Amino acid sequence: MPVVCLWIPAFRLAVARLTQPRVDLDAPLILADRLERGRVVDCTLTAAALGVRSGMTLVQAQAVALEARTVFDDPAADARVWAEVLDALDAASPVVEDGGLGRAFLEMHGIAGDPVAWLGAVRAALTGFDLPLRMGFGPNRFVAYAAACAPWPPGRGDAVVCDGDPAAFLAPLSTELLPLDENVRERLRLLGVSTLGELAALPHGPFVRRFGSDAAIWHDRARGIDDEPLKPRPRALRVGRTLYGEGAANSEEQVLFALRTLVGWVVDDLCAAGKRAGRLMLQLECEDGETHDLTTRVAQPTAVPTTLFELLRARLEGVTLNAPVVGLRLAAEELASGGVPLSLFAANDPDPDAVGVVLARLDAALGEGRALRAHIHDGPRIERRYTFEPFTLEPLITRTPQPDPPPLPPHATLQLRLLDEPHPIDVRTIDGIPHFVGTPPQHVVDVAGPWRTLEHWWSPTYGKGPILDRDEYDVNLNDGTVSRIGWQLDGWRAHAEYD
């Protein structure tokens, strides 16, 4: 499967040069995500030579590079330019995989020519873009990626071709090309493994047993083996209708009547195309020139007019209009193929339409994207055991029956509630054990611990990774409060409470 990998180095910086005036990529330049509490997204080589690094706070970056100019990233422009690049690549290959901003893979199987001709076709497809290009060719995705992204010595030009043994081609390259965790990379350094050739030379069985199942994939990649096919990017189909007429809608009933008509037209177009809508985009244009853009998510893609109308009506509940409506635009996006997969064991599945209506009302009441759910993670740090994520609506899938969950205990149990931010707390110890906590001090009736959290204990030796050294205690105070507190080098902090 011959593959061409396209890589645009510092893609966000290149887009900033296209969309913002007086951006010089040869001068010290900091690209930040925002002004307030911003962080560095990227920087030029001259800024990096001054000490700027991606992930720094904007204040830190400006402190180490006083003469550097700061510009701000425009995610909308990044997405727009990258979509245009992907569309242009269709002229070189019908199978294009989106590898993220600045990286794409093209399958050249069945296309007449040789690697030089294929690379020339990709280069010609992007002639209209003033972007720095790096290309690589190989017999599979990983080898092509390594050819494009590896730091080759000068003289290679903008394209590198692997036309021989993939393992020999990859052997001198760094293991940085593999998606390894920093802890794994450090363990490999301890074993004296820093190149793909050294990794490929390790015995497969013992290496996998020591580093886990993912190590089998790393070992294959280091030997130039990658059988995973490319995933063609989905086409962004969109079905839209517009409704304008004489006069204006002055009441809610008039708007809903017009909206019902518009939904019917869009559903007719969906049925004609054999598609179902996964998201609705509604725009209201008012008499005073103001427009309101509303996004409505669909729990399970559908083309049922009553369901789509009820979702839109629920979404409109939180909208206040200051002038009559003179026009409506409705577009259906994230289209799925027609037909709904049925499940043999769906009796206890939630109704996706009812879930969608509830979330539409939450968006109307709280604002779009404010409905969040907690996702639990395993880990030694209690503050990292959960994250808040947007409430997404995955389509229901066929599931095998699961056994009934075990019954709840007959008595109430304590639940650990993490604080939004750990805060300093006054603690008095006797023989290293907390005896008085808080202000005013509360006597500790009972205490459990300490539980030691010591991450990256090898860091002081090799200078890598953050260090966390903390002792945690559960304390029962004389006012009945049960809390989780911890001692670090900067003092005592309260981390959680039991409810």
Protein backbone atom coordinates (compact mmCIF):
# COMPACT_ATOMS: atom_id res chain seq x y z
CA MET A 1 0.00 0.00 0.00
CA PRO A 2 2.12 2.95 -1.18
CA VAL A 3 1.45 6.01 0.98
CA VAL A 4 2.46 9.65 0.74
CA CYS A 5 2.56 11.65 3.99
CA LEU A 6 2.14 15.41 3.76
CA TRP A 7 3.42 17.47 6.69
CA ILE A 8 3.20 21.24 7.03
CA PRO A 9 5.63 22.23 9.81
CA ALA A 10 4.36 24.88 12.24
CA PHE A 11 0.98 24.86 10.51
CA ARG A 12 -0.66 27.34 12.87
CA LEU A 13 2.21 29.78 12.43
CA ALA A 14 1.96 29.42 8.65
CA VAL A 15 -1.78 30.19 8.80
CA ALA A 16 -1.10 33.22 10.99
CA ARG A 17 1.29 34.49 8.31
CA LEU A 18 -1.47 34.09 5.71
CA THR A 19 -4.25 35.75 7.72
CA GLN A 20 -2.47 38.40 9.79
CA PRO A 21 -0.38 41.34 8.53
CA ARG A 22 3.37 41.72 9.08
CA VAL A 23 3.99 38.20 10.38
CA ASP A 24 7.63 37.32 9.70
CA LEU A 25 8.51 33.67 10.35
CA ASP A 26 12.22 34.49 10.40
CA ALA A 27 11.84 36.91 13.35
CA PRO A 28 11.21 35.99 17.01
CA LEU A 29 7.48 35.27 17.09
CA ILE A 30 5.21 33.80 19.78
CA LEU A 31 1.87 32.27 18.82
CA ALA A 32 -0.51 32.20 21.81
CA ASP A 33 -4.03 30.83 22.18
CA ARG A 34 -5.47 33.91 23.94
CA LEU A 35 -4.52 37.11 25.70
CA GLU A 36 -5.86 36.45 29.20
CA ARG A 37 -4.03 33.55 30.86
CA GLY A 38 -2.81 32.52 27.44
CA ARG A 39 -0.34 29.77 26.63
CA VAL A 40 2.15 29.36 23.83
CA VAL A 41 0.78 27.28 20.95
CA ASP A 42 3.87 27.55 18.74
CA CYS A 43 6.88 29.77 18.13
CA THR A 44 9.48 30.46 15.44
CA LEU A 45 12.96 28.96 15.60
CA THR A 46 14.43 32.32 16.57
CA ALA A 47 12.00 32.58 19.50
CA ALA A 48 12.80 29.00 20.51
CA ALA A 49 16.49 29.93 20.58
CA LEU A 50 15.61 32.58 23.18
CA GLY A 51 13.99 29.94 25.43
CA VAL A 52 10.34 29.96 24.32
CA ARG A 53 8.62 26.56 24.41
CA SER A 54 5.12 25.37 23.52
CA GLY A 55 2.94 25.04 26.62
CA MET A 56 4.56 27.97 28.43
CA THR A 57 2.28 30.63 29.80
CA LEU A 58 2.27 33.79 27.74
CA VAL A 59 3.79 35.71 30.67
CA GLN A 60 6.69 33.27 30.91
CA ALA A 61 7.34 33.38 27.17
CA GLN A 62 7.33 37.17 27.03
CA ALA A 63 9.68 37.28 30.00
CA VAL A 64 12.35 35.09 28.37
CA ALA A 65 11.97 36.66 24.89
CA LEU A 66 11.46 40.38 25.45
CA GLU A 67 12.00 41.30 21.80
CA ALA A 68 9.63 38.65 20.42
CA ARG A 69 6.35 39.71 18.85
CA THR A 70 3.16 38.01 20.04
CA VAL A 71 0.33 37.05 17.70
CA PHE A 72 -2.77 35.04 18.52
CA ASP A 73 -3.99 31.82 17.00
CA ASP A 74 -7.27 31.82 15.06
CA PRO A 75 -8.72 28.27 15.34
CA ALA A 76 -11.45 29.07 12.80
CA ALA A 77 -8.86 30.15 10.22
CA ASP A 78 -6.76 27.04 11.00
CA ALA A 79 -9.74 24.75 10.39
CA ARG A 80 -10.79 26.61 7.23
CA VAL A 81 -7.33 26.55 5.62
CA TRP A 82 -6.79 22.90 6.53
CA ALA A 83 -10.19 21.93 5.05
CA GLU A 84 -9.19 23.71 1.82
CA VAL A 85 -5.88 21.80 1.78
CA LEU A 86 -7.66 18.46 2.21
CA ASP A 87 -10.11 19.33 -0.57
CA ALA A 88 -7.19 20.18 -2.87
CA LEU A 89 -5.49 16.86 -2.11
CA ASP A 90 -8.47 15.05 -3.66
CA ALA A 91 -6.87 15.89 -7.02
CA ALA A 92 -3.87 13.70 -6.14
CA SER A 93 -5.65 10.69 -4.58
CA PRO A 94 -9.23 9.60 -3.89
CA VAL A 95 -8.22 8.24 -0.46
CA VAL A 96 -7.06 11.02 1.87
CA GLU A 97 -6.83 10.53 5.65
CA ASP A 98 -6.90 13.58 7.91
CA GLY A 99 -4.06 13.15 10.42
CA GLY A 100 -4.83 16.42 12.24
CA LEU A 101 -3.88 20.00 11.49
CA GLY A 102 -0.86 20.02 9.20
CA ARG A 103 -0.65 16.26 8.52
CA ALA A 104 -2.41 14.10 5.91
CA PHE A 105 -1.89 10.66 4.36
CA LEU A 106 -2.68 9.75 0.75
CA GLU A 107 -2.99 6.20 -0.57
CA MET A 108 -1.51 5.91 -4.07
CA HIS A 109 -2.47 2.30 -4.79
CA GLY A 110 -3.88 1.98 -8.31
CA ILE A 111 -2.69 5.43 -9.42
CA ALA A 112 -0.39 5.40 -12.44
CA GLY A 113 3.15 6.59 -11.89
CA ASP A 114 6.05 6.14 -9.50
CA PRO A 115 6.95 7.80 -6.16
CA VAL A 116 8.47 10.81 -7.89
CA ALA A 117 5.31 11.34 -9.97
CA TRP A 118 3.05 10.86 -6.94
CA LEU A 119 4.99 13.40 -4.88
CA GLY A 120 4.86 15.78 -7.82
CA ALA A 121 1.07 15.38 -8.03
CA VAL A 122 0.71 16.27 -4.34
CA ARG A 123 3.00 19.26 -4.78
CA ALA A 124 1.02 20.43 -7.82
CA ALA A 125 -2.31 20.07 -5.99
CA LEU A 126 -1.10 22.55 -3.35
CA THR A 127 0.43 25.10 -5.71
CA GLY A 128 -2.10 27.75 -4.68
CA PHE A 129 -1.18 27.52 -0.98
CA ASP A 130 1.70 29.56 0.34
CA LEU A 131 2.58 26.96 2.97
CA PRO A 132 5.86 25.16 3.79
CA LEU A 133 5.56 21.53 2.67
CA ARG A 134 7.38 18.38 3.73
CA MET A 135 6.52 15.05 2.09
CA GLY A 136 7.49 11.47 2.64
CA PHE A 137 6.83 8.27 0.71
CA GLY A 138 6.84 4.72 2.03
CA PRO A 139 5.19 1.31 1.72
CA ASN A 140 2.85 2.09 4.65
CA ARG A 141 1.60 4.92 6.84
CA PHE A 142 4.32 4.86 9.52
CA VAL A 143 7.26 4.71 7.13
CA ALA A 144 5.79 7.58 5.10
CA TYR A 145 5.25 9.55 8.32
CA ALA A 146 8.85 8.95 9.39
CA ALA A 147 10.14 9.99 5.97
CA ALA A 148 8.22 13.27 6.14
CA CYS A 149 8.72 14.22 9.79
CA ALA A 150 12.17 12.93 10.71
CA PRO A 151 14.92 15.56 11.11
CA TRP A 152 16.94 14.59 8.03
CA PRO A 153 20.29 16.23 7.27
CA PRO A 154 20.34 19.12 4.77
CA GLY A 155 20.14 18.29 1.08
CA ARG A 156 17.07 16.05 1.18
CA GLY A 157 14.78 18.76 -0.20
CA ASP A 158 11.07 18.85 0.59
CA ALA A 159 10.49 15.12 -0.09
CA VAL A 160 12.09 11.90 1.21
CA VAL A 161 11.47 8.51 -0.41
CA CYS A 162 11.86 5.10 1.22
CA ASP A 163 12.43 2.81 -1.77
CA GLY A 164 14.33 0.03 -0.03
CA ASP A 165 14.12 -2.02 3.15
CA PRO A 166 11.82 -0.14 5.58
CA ALA A 167 13.61 -1.50 8.66
CA ALA A 168 17.01 -0.30 7.42
CA PHE A 169 15.48 3.05 6.47
CA LEU A 170 14.02 3.53 9.98
CA ALA A 171 16.99 2.16 11.93
CA PRO A 172 18.89 5.46 12.50
CA LEU A 173 15.78 7.45 13.39
CA SER A 174 14.84 8.38 16.95
CA THR A 175 12.14 6.65 18.98
CA GLU A 176 10.57 10.14 19.28
CA LEU A 177 8.61 9.16 16.14
CA LEU A 178 6.66 6.57 18.15
CA PRO A 179 3.69 7.67 20.30
CA LEU A 180 5.37 6.68 23.57
CA ASP A 181 4.57 7.93 27.02
CA GLU A 182 7.41 9.88 28.58
CA ASN A 183 7.73 7.25 31.32
CA VAL A 184 8.16 4.51 28.70
CA ARG A 185 10.66 6.61 26.79
CA GLU A 186 12.68 7.10 29.96
CA ARG A 187 12.67 3.36 30.68
CA LEU A 188 13.92 2.70 27.15
CA ARG A 189 16.75 5.18 27.69
CA LEU A 190 17.75 3.24 30.80
CA LEU A 191 18.00 0.16 28.56
CA GLY A 192 20.16 2.08 26.09
CA VAL A 193 17.43 2.24 23.43
CA SER A 194 17.15 5.59 21.66
CA THR A 195 16.72 4.68 17.97
CA LEU A 196 14.18 2.60 16.10
CA GLY A 197 16.92 0.19 15.02
CA GLU A 198 17.88 -0.47 18.64
CA LEU A 199 14.21 -1.01 19.50
CA ALA A 200 13.71 -3.39 16.56
CA ALA A 201 16.72 -5.43 17.73
CA LEU A 202 15.08 -6.25 21.06
CA PRO A 203 13.54 -9.74 21.31
CA HIS A 204 9.82 -9.42 20.60
CA GLY A 205 8.40 -11.68 23.33
CA PRO A 206 10.35 -10.40 26.35
CA PHE A 207 9.88 -6.80 25.18
CA VAL A 208 6.08 -7.19 24.99
CA ARG A 209 5.91 -8.98 28.34
CA ARG A 210 7.87 -6.20 30.00
CA PHE A 211 6.13 -3.17 28.41
CA GLY A 212 2.59 -4.44 27.79
CA SER A 213 0.41 -5.20 24.77
CA ASP A 214 1.05 -1.81 23.11
CA ALA A 215 4.73 -2.75 22.87
CA ALA A 216 3.88 -5.24 20.11
CA ILE A 217 2.73 -2.32 17.92
CA TRP A 218 5.85 -0.27 18.74
CA HIS A 219 8.06 -3.22 17.84
CA ASP A 220 6.28 -3.69 14.51
CA ARG A 221 6.55 0.01 13.66
CA ALA A 222 10.28 0.01 14.43
CA ARG A 223 10.68 -2.87 11.95
CA GLY A 224 8.70 -0.98 9.29
CA ILE A 225 5.49 -3.02 9.67
CA ASP A 226 2.17 -1.13 9.62
CA ASP A 227 -0.83 -3.00 8.20
CA GLU A 228 -3.46 -0.49 9.35
CA PRO A 229 -5.36 0.85 6.31
CA LEU A 230 -5.97 4.55 5.82
CA LYS A 231 -9.28 5.97 7.00
CA PRO A 232 -10.73 8.23 4.30
CA ARG A 233 -11.98 11.50 5.75
CA PRO A 234 -15.78 11.85 5.89
CA ARG A 235 -17.40 14.22 3.48
CA ALA A 236 -19.11 17.19 5.14
CA LEU A 237 -22.52 16.88 3.52
CA ARG A 238 -25.08 19.53 4.35
CA VAL A 239 -28.76 19.86 3.50
CA GLY A 240 -30.21 23.34 3.92
CA ARG A 241 -33.37 25.32 3.23
CA THR A 242 -34.30 28.98 3.58
CA LEU A 243 -37.72 30.48 4.26
CA TYR A 244 -38.36 34.17 3.52
CA GLY A 245 -41.75 35.68 2.80
CA GLU A 246 -43.85 38.79 2.88
CA GLY A 247 -44.05 40.49 6.24
CA ALA A 248 -42.67 39.18 9.53
CA ALA A 249 -43.51 36.68 12.28
CA ASN A 250 -44.48 38.66 15.38
CA SER A 251 -45.49 35.83 17.71
CA GLU A 252 -44.07 32.52 18.87
CA GLU A 253 -46.88 30.63 17.13
CA GLN A 254 -46.03 32.21 13.78
CA VAL A 255 -42.35 31.34 14.14
CA LEU A 256 -43.13 27.73 15.05
CA PHE A 257 -45.57 27.41 12.13
CA ALA A 258 -42.90 28.62 9.70
CA LEU A 259 -40.32 26.39 11.36
CA ARG A 260 -42.54 23.32 10.98
CA THR A 261 -42.83 24.07 7.26
CA LEU A 262 -39.05 24.47 6.95
CA VAL A 263 -38.41 21.20 8.79
CA GLY A 264 -40.74 19.44 6.35
CA TRP A 265 -38.74 20.74 3.38
CA VAL A 266 -35.43 19.69 4.91
CA VAL A 267 -36.78 16.21 5.73
CA ASP A 268 -37.94 15.83 2.12
CA ASP A 269 -34.40 16.60 0.94
CA LEU A 270 -32.93 14.16 3.49
CA CYS A 271 -35.24 11.36 2.37
CA ALA A 272 -34.42 12.04 -1.29
CA ALA A 273 -30.72 11.69 -0.47
CA GLY A 274 -31.24 8.67 1.80
CA LYS A 275 -29.69 10.48 4.78
CA ARG A 276 -30.45 11.24 8.43
CA ALA A 277 -29.50 14.41 10.30
CA GLY A 278 -27.08 14.30 13.23
CA ARG A 279 -27.09 18.04 13.93
CA LEU A 280 -29.34 20.98 13.08
CA MET A 281 -28.18 24.55 12.46
CA LEU A 282 -30.96 27.14 12.70
CA GLN A 283 -30.50 30.83 11.94
CA LEU A 284 -33.15 33.43 12.79
CA GLU A 285 -32.94 36.77 11.00
CA CYS A 286 -34.84 39.59 12.69
CA GLU A 287 -36.31 42.79 11.32
CA ASP A 288 -33.66 44.93 13.03
CA GLY A 289 -30.85 43.03 11.26
CA GLU A 290 -29.87 40.90 14.24
CA THR A 291 -29.29 37.18 13.64
CA HIS A 292 -29.39 34.27 16.09
CA ASP A 293 -27.47 31.06 15.28
CA LEU A 294 -28.63 28.00 17.21
CA THR A 295 -27.07 24.54 17.15
CA THR A 296 -29.17 21.52 18.12
CA ARG A 297 -27.67 18.08 18.64
CA VAL A 298 -29.57 14.93 17.70
CA ALA A 299 -29.18 11.95 20.01
CA GLN A 300 -29.47 9.44 17.18
CA PRO A 301 -29.40 10.63 13.54
CA THR A 302 -32.95 10.74 12.25
CA ALA A 303 -35.15 12.09 9.47
CA VAL A 304 -38.41 12.00 11.45
CA PRO A 305 -39.98 15.48 11.10
CA THR A 306 -41.76 15.47 14.47
CA THR A 307 -38.53 14.62 16.31
CA LEU A 308 -36.53 17.31 14.55
CA PHE A 309 -39.25 19.89 15.14
CA GLU A 310 -39.51 19.08 18.85
CA LEU A 311 -35.73 19.41 19.21
CA LEU A 312 -35.77 22.84 17.58
CA ARG A 313 -38.74 23.99 19.63
CA ALA A 314 -37.00 22.96 22.86
CA ARG A 315 -33.85 24.78 21.75
CA LEU A 316 -35.85 27.97 21.10
CA GLU A 317 -37.16 28.06 24.68
CA GLY A 318 -34.15 30.04 25.88
CA VAL A 319 -34.09 32.60 23.05
CA THR A 320 -35.39 36.16 23.48
CA LEU A 321 -35.99 38.17 20.31
CA ASN A 322 -36.15 41.96 20.28
CA ALA A 323 -37.72 42.25 16.83
CA PRO A 324 -40.03 40.20 14.57
CA VAL A 325 -38.49 37.35 12.57
CA VAL A 326 -38.25 37.98 8.82
CA GLY A 327 -36.28 34.90 7.74
CA LEU A 328 -35.32 31.37 8.74
CA ARG A 329 -32.43 29.22 7.56
CA LEU A 330 -32.23 25.55 8.57
CA ALA A 331 -29.36 23.21 7.72
CA ALA A 332 -28.92 19.54 8.54
CA GLU A 333 -25.31 18.47 9.15
CA GLU A 334 -23.37 15.37 10.23
CA LEU A 335 -25.48 13.31 7.88
CA ALA A 336 -25.62 9.55 8.31
CA SER A 337 -26.76 6.92 5.87
CA GLY A 338 -30.46 6.13 5.85
CA GLY A 339 -31.88 3.34 7.95
CA VAL A 340 -31.68 2.82 11.70
CA PRO A 341 -29.80 -0.21 13.13
CA LEU A 342 -32.09 -2.26 15.33
CA SER A 343 -31.10 -3.96 18.56
CA LEU A 344 -32.36 -7.29 19.80
CA PHE A 345 -31.87 -6.22 23.42
CA ALA A 346 -33.03 -2.60 23.46
CA ALA A 347 -35.82 -2.84 26.02
CA ASN A 348 -33.84 -0.96 28.67
CA ASP A 349 -32.09 1.49 26.31
CA PRO A 350 -32.96 5.18 26.82
CA ASP A 351 -35.09 6.85 24.19
CA PRO A 352 -32.57 8.88 22.13
CA ASP A 353 -35.24 11.39 21.05
CA ALA A 354 -36.21 12.09 24.67
CA VAL A 355 -32.54 12.48 25.63
CA GLY A 356 -32.03 14.86 22.73
CA VAL A 357 -34.96 17.05 23.75
CA VAL A 358 -33.69 17.22 27.34
CA LEU A 359 -30.21 18.27 26.19
CA ALA A 360 -31.68 20.85 23.82
CA ARG A 361 -33.54 22.37 26.78
CA LEU A 362 -30.33 22.33 28.84
CA ASP A 363 -28.51 24.14 26.05
CA ALA A 364 -31.32 26.69 25.92
CA ALA A 365 -31.25 27.25 29.68
CA LEU A 366 -27.49 27.06 30.40
CA GLY A 367 -25.91 27.92 27.06
CA GLU A 368 -24.58 25.71 24.31
CA GLY A 369 -22.01 23.18 25.47
CA ARG A 370 -22.57 23.87 29.19
CA ALA A 371 -24.13 20.45 29.87
CA LEU A 372 -21.13 18.47 31.15
CA ARG A 373 -20.61 15.05 32.64
CA ALA A 374 -17.86 13.72 34.86
CA HIS A 375 -15.53 11.07 33.50
CA ILE A 376 -13.69 8.93 36.07
CA HIS A 377 -10.00 8.02 35.69
CA ASP A 378 -7.73 5.73 37.67
CA GLY A 379 -4.60 7.22 39.16
CA PRO A 380 -2.74 8.01 42.36
CA ARG A 381 -3.63 11.72 42.41
CA ILE A 382 -7.16 12.26 43.65
CA GLU A 383 -7.44 15.58 41.79
CA ARG A 384 -6.88 13.78 38.48
CA ARG A 385 -9.43 11.04 39.01
CA TYR A 386 -12.14 12.89 37.13
CA THR A 387 -12.57 15.37 34.30
CA PHE A 388 -15.59 17.28 33.04
CA GLU A 389 -16.39 16.56 29.40
CA PRO A 390 -19.09 17.84 27.03
CA PHE A 391 -22.14 15.61 27.09
CA THR A 392 -21.96 13.85 23.74
CA LEU A 393 -24.71 11.76 22.25
CA GLU A 394 -23.34 8.53 20.90
CA PRO A 395 -25.77 6.53 18.77
CA LEU A 396 -27.22 3.50 20.50
CA ILE A 397 -25.60 0.24 19.45
CA THR A 398 -26.51 -3.39 19.84
CA ARG A 399 -25.42 -4.63 23.21
CA THR A 400 -25.31 -8.01 24.83
CA PRO A 401 -27.36 -8.43 28.00
CA GLN A 402 -25.41 -7.53 31.11
CA PRO A 403 -25.96 -9.15 34.52
CA ASP A 404 -27.89 -7.13 37.05
CA PRO A 405 -25.66 -4.90 39.18
CA PRO A 406 -25.09 -5.98 42.76
CA PRO A 407 -27.62 -4.58 45.26
CA LEU A 408 -26.72 -1.40 47.10
CA PRO A 409 -25.51 -1.85 50.69
CA PRO A 410 -28.31 -1.61 53.25
CA HIS A 411 -26.59 1.25 55.10
CA ALA A 412 -25.47 4.65 53.87
CA THR A 413 -21.85 4.91 52.75
CA LEU A 414 -19.48 7.87 52.63
CA GLN A 415 -18.78 9.40 49.22
CA LEU A 416 -15.57 11.33 48.55
CA ARG A 417 -16.33 14.76 47.03
CA LEU A 418 -13.29 16.46 45.54
CA LEU A 419 -12.96 20.21 45.94
CA ASP A 420 -12.80 22.31 42.78
CA GLU A 421 -9.40 23.65 43.87
CA PRO A 422 -7.31 22.41 46.82
CA HIS A 423 -6.93 25.29 49.27
CA PRO A 424 -4.40 25.94 52.07
CA ILE A 425 -5.49 24.88 55.53
CA ASP A 426 -4.00 25.33 59.00
CA VAL A 427 -2.90 22.04 60.56
CA ARG A 428 -1.13 21.47 63.87
CA THR A 429 0.73 18.18 64.20
CA ILE A 430 2.06 16.17 67.12
CA ASP A 431 4.75 13.62 66.25
CA GLY A 432 3.96 14.22 62.57
CA ILE A 433 0.25 13.30 62.94
CA PRO A 434 -2.49 15.96 62.46
CA HIS A 435 -4.20 16.80 65.79
CA PHE A 436 -5.87 20.15 65.05
CA VAL A 437 -7.23 21.21 61.65
CA GLY A 438 -8.81 24.41 60.33
CA THR A 439 -9.47 27.95 61.54
CA PRO A 440 -10.71 28.02 64.26
CA PRO A 441 -8.92 24.74 64.99
CA GLN A 442 -11.04 21.58 65.22
CA HIS A 443 -9.77 18.64 67.23
CA VAL A 444 -9.01 15.51 65.22
CA VAL A 445 -11.06 12.67 66.73
CA ASP A 446 -9.67 10.01 64.44
CA VAL A 447 -7.09 9.93 61.64
CA ALA A 448 -6.17 7.47 58.89
CA GLY A 449 -2.99 7.56 56.85
CA PRO A 450 -0.59 8.70 55.69
CA TRP A 451 -0.88 7.56 52.07
CA ARG A 452 2.26 8.50 50.20
CA THR A 453 1.97 9.72 46.60
CA LEU A 454 5.45 9.91 45.07
CA GLU A 455 5.52 10.32 41.29
CA HIS A 456 8.59 10.17 39.04
CA TRP A 457 10.94 9.28 41.89
CA TRP A 458 13.77 8.96 39.36
CA SER A 459 13.35 12.54 38.10
CA PRO A 460 16.06 14.19 40.25
CA THR A 461 18.61 11.84 38.69
CA TYR A 462 17.71 12.45 35.07
CA GLY A 463 16.10 15.88 35.24
CA LYS A 464 12.86 14.82 33.57
CA GLY A 465 9.21 15.16 34.55
CA PRO A 466 7.38 16.93 37.35
CA ILE A 467 7.80 15.78 40.92
CA LEU A 468 4.91 15.19 43.32
CA ASP A 469 5.72 14.16 46.89
CA ARG A 470 2.61 14.25 49.08
CA ASP A 471 1.27 12.55 52.21
CA GLU A 472 -2.52 12.33 52.46
CA TYR A 473 -4.64 11.81 55.56
CA ASP A 474 -8.33 11.27 56.25
CA VAL A 475 -9.28 13.21 59.39
CA ASN A 476 -12.51 13.02 61.43
CA LEU A 477 -13.00 16.32 63.25
CA ASN A 478 -14.96 16.92 66.43
CA ASP A 479 -17.71 18.78 64.48
CA GLY A 480 -18.45 15.60 62.51
CA THR A 481 -16.59 16.62 59.32
CA VAL A 482 -14.51 13.98 57.55
CA SER A 483 -11.94 15.46 55.15
CA ARG A 484 -8.99 14.43 53.01
CA ILE A 485 -5.94 16.66 53.60
CA GLY A 486 -2.42 16.46 52.23
CA TRP A 487 1.04 17.69 53.13
CA GLN A 488 3.44 18.89 50.42
CA LEU A 489 6.54 21.03 50.51
CA ASP A 490 4.41 24.19 50.22
CA GLY A 491 2.26 23.26 53.22
CA TRP A 492 -1.03 21.60 54.10
CA ARG A 493 -4.00 21.66 51.72
CA ALA A 494 -7.59 20.41 51.87
CA HIS A 495 -8.35 18.22 48.85
CA ALA A 496 -11.73 16.61 49.46
CA GLU A 497 -14.58 16.05 51.89
CA TYR A 498 -16.70 13.00 52.65
CA ASP A 499 -20.49 13.30 52.30
